[in-house]
Amino acid sequence: MSHVVSLPEIAALAAKLPPEERKQLAESILQELAAASRPARRPTWGDIRGCVPYPLFGEDAQAWVTRTRREEDERRDSLVRATK
């Protein structure tokens, strides 16, 4: 079972370090605390690129564009014919 180290024990160990190493220890702790307190950045599209399988909805994006344009053209043509 692991032993939980108390703050006084850590302080006593740190006091035995040479001044330069104590400074490095302090800087390291401060950097960790600063990193932990930073707000999480908002993900970008680049972060999520490739997260879903291709094709997502069973259809290639270009095929979807082509199909929907064709369907809209057909709908528009039928509306024009109906008004003549």
PDB file of N, CA and C in Angstrom:
ATOM      1  N   MET A   1       0.839  -1.172   0.000  1.00  0.00           N
ATOM      2  CA  MET A   1       0.000   0.000   0.000  1.00  0.00           C
ATOM      3  C   MET A   1       0.886   1.237   0.000  1.00  0.00           C
ATOM      4  N   SER A   2       0.484   2.273  -0.725  1.00  0.00           N
ATOM      5  CA  SER A   2       1.329   3.457  -0.837  1.00  0.00           C
ATOM      6  C   SER A   2       1.194   4.350   0.394  1.00  0.00           C
ATOM      7  N   HIS A   3       2.260   5.044   0.673  1.00  0.00           N
ATOM      8  CA  HIS A   3       2.314   5.949   1.813  1.00  0.00           C
ATOM      9  C   HIS A   3       2.005   7.356   1.328  1.00  0.00           C
ATOM     10  N   VAL A   4       1.046   8.031   1.966  1.00  0.00           N
ATOM     11  CA  VAL A   4       0.720   9.416   1.625  1.00  0.00           C
ATOM     12  C   VAL A   4       1.728  10.313   2.325  1.00  0.00           C
ATOM     13  N   VAL A   5       2.375  11.164   1.541  1.00  0.00           N
ATOM     14  CA  VAL A   5       3.402  12.049   2.087  1.00  0.00           C
ATOM     15  C   VAL A   5       2.749  13.358   2.513  1.00  0.00           C
ATOM     16  N   SER A   6       3.066  13.819   3.717  1.00  0.00           N
ATOM     17  CA  SER A   6       2.471  15.054   4.234  1.00  0.00           C
ATOM     18  C   SER A   6       3.296  16.268   3.800  1.00  0.00           C
ATOM     19  N   LEU A   7       2.675  17.418   3.897  1.00  0.00           N
ATOM     20  CA  LEU A   7       3.357  18.664   3.533  1.00  0.00           C
ATOM     21  C   LEU A   7       4.611  18.900   4.377  1.00  0.00           C
ATOM     22  N   PRO A   8       4.576  18.688   5.697  1.00  0.00           N
ATOM     23  CA  PRO A   8       5.814  18.873   6.468  1.00  0.00           C
ATOM     24  C   PRO A   8       6.948  17.937   6.031  1.00  0.00           C
ATOM     25  N   GLU A   9       6.589  16.707   5.633  1.00  0.00           N
ATOM     26  CA  GLU A   9       7.617  15.774   5.156  1.00  0.00           C
ATOM     27  C   GLU A   9       8.236  16.283   3.855  1.00  0.00           C
ATOM     28  N   ILE A  10       7.393  16.778   2.963  1.00  0.00           N
ATOM     29  CA  ILE A  10       7.898  17.306   1.688  1.00  0.00           C
ATOM     30  C   ILE A  10       8.758  18.534   1.920  1.00  0.00           C
ATOM     31  N   ALA A  11       8.317  19.405   2.830  1.00  0.00           N
ATOM     32  CA  ALA A  11       9.092  20.611   3.135  1.00  0.00           C
ATOM     33  C   ALA A  11      10.455  20.247   3.714  1.00  0.00           C
ATOM     34  N   ALA A  12      10.490  19.231   4.564  1.00  0.00           N
ATOM     35  CA  ALA A  12      11.761  18.796   5.159  1.00  0.00           C
ATOM     36  C   ALA A  12      12.687  18.240   4.087  1.00  0.00           C
ATOM     37  N   LEU A  13      12.124  17.457   3.147  1.00  0.00           N
ATOM     38  CA  LEU A  13      12.943  16.929   2.052  1.00  0.00           C
ATOM     39  C   LEU A  13      13.447  18.057   1.151  1.00  0.00           C
ATOM     40  N   ALA A  14      12.560  19.020   0.846  1.00  0.00           N
ATOM     41  CA  ALA A  14      12.952  20.132  -0.018  1.00  0.00           C
ATOM     42  C   ALA A  14      14.043  20.974   0.642  1.00  0.00           C
ATOM     43  N   ALA A  15      14.005  21.095   1.951  1.00  0.00           N
ATOM     44  CA  ALA A  15      15.012  21.888   2.672  1.00  0.00           C
ATOM     45  C   ALA A  15      16.404  21.282   2.536  1.00  0.00           C
ATOM     46  N   LYS A  16      16.484  19.995   2.255  1.00  0.00           N
ATOM     47  CA  LYS A  16      17.772  19.325   2.097  1.00  0.00           C
ATOM     48  C   LYS A  16      18.368  19.524   0.706  1.00  0.00           C
ATOM     49  N   LEU A  17      17.573  20.052  -0.228  1.00  0.00           N
ATOM     50  CA  LEU A  17      18.061  20.264  -1.595  1.00  0.00           C
ATOM     51  C   LEU A  17      18.946  21.499  -1.665  1.00  0.00           C
ATOM     52  N   PRO A  18      19.873  21.532  -2.619  1.00  0.00           N
ATOM     53  CA  PRO A  18      20.654  22.752  -2.849  1.00  0.00           C
ATOM     54  C   PRO A  18      19.715  23.865  -3.334  1.00  0.00           C
ATOM     55  N   PRO A  19      20.078  25.111  -3.128  1.00  0.00           N
ATOM     56  CA  PRO A  19      19.204  26.237  -3.491  1.00  0.00           C
ATOM     57  C   PRO A  19      18.697  26.205  -4.947  1.00  0.00           C
ATOM     58  N   GLU A  20      19.569  25.864  -5.884  1.00  0.00           N
ATOM     59  CA  GLU A  20      19.148  25.850  -7.293  1.00  0.00           C
ATOM     60  C   GLU A  20      18.068  24.790  -7.544  1.00  0.00           C
ATOM     61  N   GLU A  21      18.213  23.625  -6.918  1.00  0.00           N
ATOM     62  CA  GLU A  21      17.211  22.579  -7.096  1.00  0.00           C
ATOM     63  C   GLU A  21      15.907  22.932  -6.386  1.00  0.00           C
ATOM     64  N   ARG A  22      15.998  23.622  -5.255  1.00  0.00           N
ATOM     65  CA  ARG A  22      14.776  24.089  -4.574  1.00  0.00           C
ATOM     66  C   ARG A  22      14.032  25.076  -5.468  1.00  0.00           C
ATOM     67  N   LYS A  23      14.796  25.939  -6.142  1.00  0.00           N
ATOM     68  CA  LYS A  23      14.179  26.903  -7.057  1.00  0.00           C
ATOM     69  C   LYS A  23      13.502  26.167  -8.218  1.00  0.00           C
ATOM     70  N   GLN A  24      14.167  25.168  -8.766  1.00  0.00           N
ATOM     71  CA  GLN A  24      13.576  24.382  -9.866  1.00  0.00           C
ATOM     72  C   GLN A  24      12.301  23.673  -9.410  1.00  0.00           C
ATOM     73  N   LEU A  25      12.322  23.142  -8.189  1.00  0.00           N
ATOM     74  CA  LEU A  25      11.140  22.478  -7.635  1.00  0.00           C
ATOM     75  C   LEU A  25       9.978  23.469  -7.521  1.00  0.00           C
ATOM     76  N   ALA A  26      10.256  24.642  -6.978  1.00  0.00           N
ATOM     77  CA  ALA A  26       9.215  25.666  -6.820  1.00  0.00           C
ATOM     78  C   ALA A  26       8.654  26.089  -8.178  1.00  0.00           C
ATOM     79  N   GLU A  27       9.534  26.302  -9.163  1.00  0.00           N
ATOM     80  CA  GLU A  27       9.088  26.703 -10.498  1.00  0.00           C
ATOM     81  C   GLU A  27       8.231  25.612 -11.133  1.00  0.00           C
ATOM     82  N   SER A  28       8.638  24.379 -10.935  1.00  0.00           N
ATOM     83  CA  SER A  28       7.890  23.257 -11.485  1.00  0.00           C
ATOM     84  C   SER A  28       6.487  23.185 -10.892  1.00  0.00           C
ATOM     85  N   ILE A  29       6.389  23.348  -9.592  1.00  0.00           N
ATOM     86  CA  ILE A  29       5.080  23.323  -8.926  1.00  0.00           C
ATOM     87  C   ILE A  29       4.221  24.484  -9.402  1.00  0.00           C
ATOM     88  N   LEU A  30       4.796  25.670  -9.511  1.00  0.00           N
ATOM     89  CA  LEU A  30       4.038  26.837  -9.968  1.00  0.00           C
ATOM     90  C   LEU A  30       3.557  26.669 -11.414  1.00  0.00           C
ATOM     91  N   GLN A  31       4.386  26.082 -12.273  1.00  0.00           N
ATOM     92  CA  GLN A  31       3.969  25.845 -13.658  1.00  0.00           C
ATOM     93  C   GLN A  31       2.809  24.863 -13.726  1.00  0.00           C
ATOM     94  N   GLU A  32       2.859  23.813 -12.922  1.00  0.00           N
ATOM     95  CA  GLU A  32       1.765  22.832 -12.888  1.00  0.00           C
ATOM     96  C   GLU A  32       0.473  23.478 -12.405  1.00  0.00           C
ATOM     97  N   LEU A  33       0.570  24.320 -11.381  1.00  0.00           N
ATOM     98  CA  LEU A  33      -0.623  24.995 -10.871  1.00  0.00           C
ATOM     99  C   LEU A  33      -1.190  25.972 -11.895  1.00  0.00           C
ATOM    100  N   ALA A  34      -0.318  26.691 -12.584  1.00  0.00           N
ATOM    101  CA  ALA A  34      -0.785  27.636 -13.600  1.00  0.00           C
ATOM    102  C   ALA A  34      -1.468  26.901 -14.749  1.00  0.00           C
ATOM    103  N   ALA A  35      -0.903  25.783 -15.166  1.00  0.00           N
ATOM    104  CA  ALA A  35      -1.497  25.002 -16.254  1.00  0.00           C
ATOM    105  C   ALA A  35      -2.849  24.431 -15.849  1.00  0.00           C
ATOM    106  N   ALA A  36      -2.970  24.017 -14.607  1.00  0.00           N
ATOM    107  CA  ALA A  36      -4.226  23.433 -14.127  1.00  0.00           C
ATOM    108  C   ALA A  36      -5.318  24.480 -13.993  1.00  0.00           C
ATOM    109  N   SER A  37      -4.949  25.734 -13.769  1.00  0.00           N
ATOM    110  CA  SER A  37      -5.963  26.774 -13.562  1.00  0.00           C
ATOM    111  C   SER A  37      -6.370  27.467 -14.862  1.00  0.00           C
ATOM    112  N   ARG A  38      -5.689  27.180 -15.960  1.00  0.00           N
ATOM    113  CA  ARG A  38      -6.066  27.786 -17.243  1.00  0.00           C
ATOM    114  C   ARG A  38      -7.392  27.210 -17.713  1.00  0.00           C
ATOM    115  N   PRO A  39      -8.253  28.079 -18.268  1.00  0.00           N
ATOM    116  CA  PRO A  39      -9.502  27.538 -18.809  1.00  0.00           C
ATOM    117  C   PRO A  39      -9.215  26.678 -20.039  1.00  0.00           C
ATOM    118  N   ALA A  40     -10.017  25.652 -20.227  1.00  0.00           N
ATOM    119  CA  ALA A  40      -9.841  24.775 -21.382  1.00  0.00           C
ATOM    120  C   ALA A  40     -10.155  25.570 -22.647  1.00  0.00           C
ATOM    121  N   ARG A  41      -9.321  25.428 -23.653  1.00  0.00           N
ATOM    122  CA  ARG A  41      -9.571  26.159 -24.889  1.00  0.00           C
ATOM    123  C   ARG A  41     -10.658  25.467 -25.687  1.00  0.00           C
ATOM    124  N   ARG A  42     -11.342  26.253 -26.470  1.00  0.00           N
ATOM    125  CA  ARG A  42     -12.425  25.714 -27.285  1.00  0.00           C
ATOM    126  C   ARG A  42     -11.825  24.912 -28.434  1.00  0.00           C
ATOM    127  N   PRO A  43     -12.341  23.703 -28.678  1.00  0.00           N
ATOM    128  CA  PRO A  43     -11.769  22.897 -29.765  1.00  0.00           C
ATOM    129  C   PRO A  43     -12.003  23.539 -31.133  1.00  0.00           C
ATOM    130  N   THR A  44     -11.067  23.327 -32.031  1.00  0.00           N
ATOM    131  CA  THR A  44     -11.199  23.832 -33.398  1.00  0.00           C
ATOM    132  C   THR A  44     -11.629  22.692 -34.304  1.00  0.00           C
ATOM    133  N   TRP A  45     -12.006  23.026 -35.539  1.00  0.00           N
ATOM    134  CA  TRP A  45     -12.385  21.991 -36.502  1.00  0.00           C
ATOM    135  C   TRP A  45     -11.214  21.040 -36.730  1.00  0.00           C
ATOM    136  N   GLY A  46      -9.996  21.576 -36.705  1.00  0.00           N
ATOM    137  CA  GLY A  46      -8.817  20.727 -36.882  1.00  0.00           C
ATOM    138  C   GLY A  46      -8.670  19.694 -35.772  1.00  0.00           C
ATOM    139  N   ASP A  47      -9.124  20.050 -34.564  1.00  0.00           N
ATOM    140  CA  ASP A  47      -9.039  19.117 -33.436  1.00  0.00           C
ATOM    141  C   ASP A  47      -9.963  17.917 -33.611  1.00  0.00           C
ATOM    142  N   ILE A  48     -11.112  18.138 -34.248  1.00  0.00           N
ATOM    143  CA  ILE A  48     -12.084  17.051 -34.377  1.00  0.00           C
ATOM    144  C   ILE A  48     -12.029  16.362 -35.732  1.00  0.00           C
ATOM    145  N   ARG A  49     -11.146  16.840 -36.610  1.00  0.00           N
ATOM    146  CA  ARG A  49     -11.015  16.231 -37.937  1.00  0.00           C
ATOM    147  C   ARG A  49     -10.697  14.741 -37.789  1.00  0.00           C
ATOM    148  N   GLY A  50     -11.431  13.929 -38.530  1.00  0.00           N
ATOM    149  CA  GLY A  50     -11.184  12.497 -38.532  1.00  0.00           C
ATOM    150  C   GLY A  50     -11.784  11.745 -37.354  1.00  0.00           C
ATOM    151  N   CYS A  51     -12.646  12.383 -36.572  1.00  0.00           N
ATOM    152  CA  CYS A  51     -13.227  11.721 -35.396  1.00  0.00           C
ATOM    153  C   CYS A  51     -14.413  10.821 -35.728  1.00  0.00           C
ATOM    154  N   VAL A  52     -14.974  10.948 -36.907  1.00  0.00           N
ATOM    155  CA  VAL A  52     -16.128  10.121 -37.273  1.00  0.00           C
ATOM    156  C   VAL A  52     -15.778   9.267 -38.486  1.00  0.00           C
ATOM    157  N   PRO A  53     -16.450   8.148 -38.637  1.00  0.00           N
ATOM    158  CA  PRO A  53     -16.163   7.289 -39.787  1.00  0.00           C
ATOM    159  C   PRO A  53     -16.640   7.932 -41.083  1.00  0.00           C
ATOM    160  N   TYR A  54     -15.992   7.577 -42.182  1.00  0.00           N
ATOM    161  CA  TYR A  54     -16.371   8.096 -43.489  1.00  0.00           C
ATOM    162  C   TYR A  54     -17.126   7.021 -44.241  1.00  0.00           C
ATOM    163  N   PRO A  55     -18.152   7.312 -44.908  1.00  0.00           N
ATOM    164  CA  PRO A  55     -18.964   8.536 -44.846  1.00  0.00           C
ATOM    165  C   PRO A  55     -19.884   8.483 -43.635  1.00  0.00           C
ATOM    166  N   LEU A  56     -20.103   9.628 -43.009  1.00  0.00           N
ATOM    167  CA  LEU A  56     -20.836   9.678 -41.749  1.00  0.00           C
ATOM    168  C   LEU A  56     -22.269   9.175 -41.893  1.00  0.00           C
ATOM    169  N   PHE A  57     -22.984   9.618 -42.908  1.00  0.00           N
ATOM    170  CA  PHE A  57     -24.382   9.233 -43.064  1.00  0.00           C
ATOM    171  C   PHE A  57     -24.581   8.305 -44.250  1.00  0.00           C
ATOM    172  N   GLY A  58     -23.532   7.581 -44.609  1.00  0.00           N
ATOM    173  CA  GLY A  58     -23.651   6.594 -45.672  1.00  0.00           C
ATOM    174  C   GLY A  58     -23.568   7.174 -47.066  1.00  0.00           C
ATOM    175  N   GLU A  59     -23.239   8.462 -47.173  1.00  0.00           N
ATOM    176  CA  GLU A  59     -23.180   9.090 -48.488  1.00  0.00           C
ATOM    177  C   GLU A  59     -22.005  10.056 -48.532  1.00  0.00           C
ATOM    178  N   ASP A  60     -21.276  10.019 -49.629  1.00  0.00           N
ATOM    179  CA  ASP A  60     -20.150  10.929 -49.839  1.00  0.00           C
ATOM    180  C   ASP A  60     -20.676  12.363 -49.897  1.00  0.00           C
ATOM    181  N   ALA A  61     -19.927  13.307 -49.373  1.00  0.00           N
ATOM    182  CA  ALA A  61     -20.366  14.699 -49.341  1.00  0.00           C
ATOM    183  C   ALA A  61     -20.626  15.236 -50.743  1.00  0.00           C
ATOM    184  N   GLN A  62     -19.730  14.958 -51.676  1.00  0.00           N
ATOM    185  CA  GLN A  62     -19.921  15.463 -53.038  1.00  0.00           C
ATOM    186  C   GLN A  62     -21.140  14.815 -53.683  1.00  0.00           C
ATOM    187  N   ALA A  63     -21.375  13.539 -53.427  1.00  0.00           N
ATOM    188  CA  ALA A  63     -22.560  12.866 -53.955  1.00  0.00           C
ATOM    189  C   ALA A  63     -23.822  13.497 -53.373  1.00  0.00           C
ATOM    190  N   TRP A  64     -23.781  13.867 -52.096  1.00  0.00           N
ATOM    191  CA  TRP A  64     -24.933  14.514 -51.468  1.00  0.00           C
ATOM    192  C   TRP A  64     -25.212  15.860 -52.121  1.00  0.00           C
ATOM    193  N   VAL A  65     -24.166  16.663 -52.341  1.00  0.00           N
ATOM    194  CA  VAL A  65     -24.336  17.967 -52.981  1.00  0.00           C
ATOM    195  C   VAL A  65     -24.934  17.791 -54.372  1.00  0.00           C
ATOM    196  N   THR A  66     -24.376  16.882 -55.153  1.00  0.00           N
ATOM    197  CA  THR A  66     -24.862  16.638 -56.516  1.00  0.00           C
ATOM    198  C   THR A  66     -26.317  16.191 -56.493  1.00  0.00           C
ATOM    199  N   ARG A  67     -26.639  15.261 -55.607  1.00  0.00           N
ATOM    200  CA  ARG A  67     -28.013  14.750 -55.537  1.00  0.00           C
ATOM    201  C   ARG A  67     -28.990  15.831 -55.125  1.00  0.00           C
ATOM    202  N   THR A  68     -28.674  16.610 -54.103  1.00  0.00           N
ATOM    203  CA  THR A  68     -29.608  17.640 -53.635  1.00  0.00           C
ATOM    204  C   THR A  68     -29.771  18.749 -54.673  1.00  0.00           C
ATOM    205  N   ARG A  69     -28.709  19.093 -55.393  1.00  0.00           N
ATOM    206  CA  ARG A  69     -28.845  20.088 -56.473  1.00  0.00           C
ATOM    207  C   ARG A  69     -29.759  19.554 -57.572  1.00  0.00           C
ATOM    208  N   ARG A  70     -29.569  18.286 -57.938  1.00  0.00           N
ATOM    209  CA  ARG A  70     -30.403  17.690 -58.984  1.00  0.00           C
ATOM    210  C   ARG A  70     -31.865  17.653 -58.540  1.00  0.00           C
ATOM    211  N   GLU A  71     -32.107  17.250 -57.306  1.00  0.00           N
ATOM    212  CA  GLU A  71     -33.469  17.206 -56.793  1.00  0.00           C
ATOM    213  C   GLU A  71     -34.108  18.586 -56.777  1.00  0.00           C
ATOM    214  N   GLU A  72     -33.347  19.584 -56.380  1.00  0.00           N
ATOM    215  CA  GLU A  72     -33.877  20.960 -56.361  1.00  0.00           C
ATOM    216  C   GLU A  72     -34.152  21.451 -57.778  1.00  0.00           C
ATOM    217  N   ASP A  73     -33.271  21.126 -58.727  1.00  0.00           N
ATOM    218  CA  ASP A  73     -33.511  21.498 -60.129  1.00  0.00           C
ATOM    219  C   ASP A  73     -34.802  20.855 -60.632  1.00  0.00           C
ATOM    220  N   GLU A  74     -34.996  19.574 -60.312  1.00  0.00           N
ATOM    221  CA  GLU A  74     -36.204  18.868 -60.742  1.00  0.00           C
ATOM    222  C   GLU A  74     -37.448  19.475 -60.107  1.00  0.00           C
ATOM    223  N   ARG A  75     -37.373  19.818 -58.841  1.00  0.00           N
ATOM    224  CA  ARG A  75     -38.507  20.442 -58.151  1.00  0.00           C
ATOM    225  C   ARG A  75     -38.838  21.790 -58.770  1.00  0.00           C
ATOM    226  N   ARG A  76     -37.800  22.592 -59.019  1.00  0.00           N
ATOM    227  CA  ARG A  76     -37.992  23.911 -59.632  1.00  0.00           C
ATOM    228  C   ARG A  76     -38.605  23.773 -61.023  1.00  0.00           C
ATOM    229  N   ASP A  77     -38.093  22.807 -61.817  1.00  0.00           N
ATOM    230  CA  ASP A  77     -38.636  22.589 -63.163  1.00  0.00           C
ATOM    231  C   ASP A  77     -40.107  22.194 -63.109  1.00  0.00           C
ATOM    232  N   SER A  78     -40.474  21.344 -62.146  1.00  0.00           N
ATOM    233  CA  SER A  78     -41.881  20.924 -62.046  1.00  0.00           C
ATOM    234  C   SER A  78     -42.768  22.095 -61.634  1.00  0.00           C
ATOM    235  N   LEU A  79     -42.252  22.985 -60.804  1.00  0.00           N
ATOM    236  CA  LEU A  79     -43.026  24.171 -60.421  1.00  0.00           C
ATOM    237  C   LEU A  79     -43.216  25.109 -61.610  1.00  0.00           C
ATOM    238  N   VAL A  80     -42.173  25.260 -62.417  1.00  0.00           N
ATOM    239  CA  VAL A  80     -42.267  26.124 -63.596  1.00  0.00           C
ATOM    240  C   VAL A  80     -43.265  25.542 -64.588  1.00  0.00           C
ATOM    241  N   ARG A  81     -43.208  24.230 -64.801  1.00  0.00           N
ATOM    242  CA  ARG A  81     -44.160  23.565 -65.725  1.00  0.00           C
ATOM    243  C   ARG A  81     -45.598  23.689 -65.219  1.00  0.00           C
ATOM    244  N   ALA A  82     -45.781  23.637 -63.900  1.00  0.00           N
ATOM    245  CA  ALA A  82     -47.123  23.702 -63.329  1.00  0.00           C
ATOM    246  C   ALA A  82     -47.717  25.096 -63.478  1.00  0.00           C
ATOM    247  N   THR A  83     -46.892  26.124 -63.548  1.00  0.00           N
ATOM    248  CA  THR A  83     -47.394  27.497 -63.673  1.00  0.00           C
ATOM    249  C   THR A  83     -47.635  27.887 -65.122  1.00  0.00           C
ATOM    250  N   LYS A  84     -47.233  27.101 -66.097  1.00  0.00           N
ATOM    251  CA  LYS A  84     -47.402  27.436 -67.506  1.00  0.00           C
ATOM    252  C   LYS A  84     -48.738  27.007 -68.002  1.00  0.00           C
TER     253      LYS A  84
END
